[in-house]
Amino acid sequence: MRHPKKEVQEAVEEIIGDGWFRLEPGGHWGVLLCGHRERDGCRLYVNATPQNPGNHANKLRRQALKCTHRTERGATET
């Protein structure tokens, strides 16, 4: 399912390309989970109707880069 805001959809695609995956819970458009796949894995909540889609997209990208499990998956720090 695509996000209705282009900026947020692009951010979600980038994050999923970095090893994250998406769940579709109620109340949000979705939740992105890091590839750690354990209870302590990182989660990003994607708002269905953000007030400012550009800011929300940038916030998601920043939070994904802060994932403490990135080095476990072999991702390079930028």
Protein backbone atom coordinates (compact mmCIF):
# COMPACT_ATOMS: atom_id res chain seq x y z
CA MET A 1 0.00 0.00 0.00
CA ARG A 2 1.39 3.38 -0.99
CA HIS A 3 1.44 6.37 1.32
CA PRO A 4 -0.77 9.24 0.06
CA LYS A 5 2.05 11.80 0.46
CA LYS A 6 4.84 11.54 -2.10
CA GLU A 7 7.61 12.73 0.24
CA VAL A 8 6.71 10.18 2.92
CA GLN A 9 6.41 7.36 0.36
CA GLU A 10 9.91 8.13 -0.94
CA ALA A 11 11.32 8.07 2.61
CA VAL A 12 9.57 4.76 3.35
CA GLU A 13 11.01 3.21 0.17
CA GLU A 14 14.53 4.36 1.11
CA ILE A 15 14.21 2.97 4.63
CA ILE A 16 12.82 -0.37 3.42
CA GLY A 17 15.74 -0.54 0.97
CA ASP A 18 18.06 -0.33 3.99
CA GLY A 19 16.76 -3.60 5.45
CA TRP A 20 13.63 -2.45 7.29
CA PHE A 21 10.18 -3.98 6.76
CA ARG A 22 6.62 -2.71 7.20
CA LEU A 23 3.68 -3.78 9.34
CA GLU A 24 0.16 -2.44 8.83
CA PRO A 25 -1.35 -1.83 12.29
CA GLY A 26 -4.46 0.19 13.01
CA GLY A 27 -4.17 3.81 14.06
CA HIS A 28 -1.16 4.61 11.88
CA TRP A 29 -0.46 4.19 8.20
CA GLY A 30 2.17 1.68 9.20
CA VAL A 31 5.09 0.79 11.39
CA LEU A 32 8.57 0.20 10.03
CA LEU A 33 10.66 -2.37 11.90
CA CYS A 34 14.40 -2.71 11.60
CA GLY A 35 15.90 -5.97 10.40
CA HIS A 36 16.94 -6.96 13.95
CA ARG A 37 13.71 -9.02 14.25
CA GLU A 38 13.88 -9.23 18.03
CA ARG A 39 11.70 -7.69 20.70
CA ASP A 40 14.19 -4.85 21.22
CA GLY A 41 14.27 -3.96 17.50
CA CYS A 42 13.74 -0.36 16.42
CA ARG A 43 10.32 0.86 15.32
CA LEU A 44 9.27 3.89 13.28
CA TYR A 45 5.64 4.96 13.30
CA VAL A 46 4.51 6.42 9.97
CA ASN A 47 1.71 8.94 10.33
CA ALA A 48 -1.11 8.60 7.79
CA THR A 49 -1.85 12.34 7.69
CA PRO A 50 1.22 14.34 8.76
CA GLN A 51 0.78 18.10 9.05
CA ASN A 52 4.01 18.63 7.12
CA PRO A 53 4.87 15.63 4.90
CA GLY A 54 8.40 16.86 4.16
CA ASN A 55 9.28 17.23 7.83
CA HIS A 56 7.75 13.84 8.65
CA ALA A 57 9.76 12.18 5.86
CA ASN A 58 12.99 13.78 7.09
CA LYS A 59 12.22 12.71 10.68
CA LEU A 60 11.71 9.11 9.56
CA ARG A 61 15.06 9.15 7.71
CA ARG A 62 16.89 10.58 10.75
CA GLN A 63 15.34 8.01 13.08
CA ALA A 64 16.25 5.15 10.72
CA LEU A 65 19.87 6.30 10.66
CA LYS A 66 19.95 6.23 14.48
CA CYS A 67 19.06 2.53 14.55
CA THR A 68 21.57 0.83 16.83
CA HIS A 69 21.24 -2.40 14.85
CA ARG A 70 22.51 -0.95 11.55
CA THR A 71 26.07 -2.16 12.11
CA GLU A 72 24.81 -5.68 12.90
CA ARG A 73 23.27 -5.82 9.42
CA GLY A 74 26.48 -4.60 7.78
CA ALA A 75 25.18 -1.14 6.88
CA THR A 76 27.73 1.62 6.53
CA GLU A 77 27.47 4.75 8.61
CA THR A 78 26.98 7.99 6.70
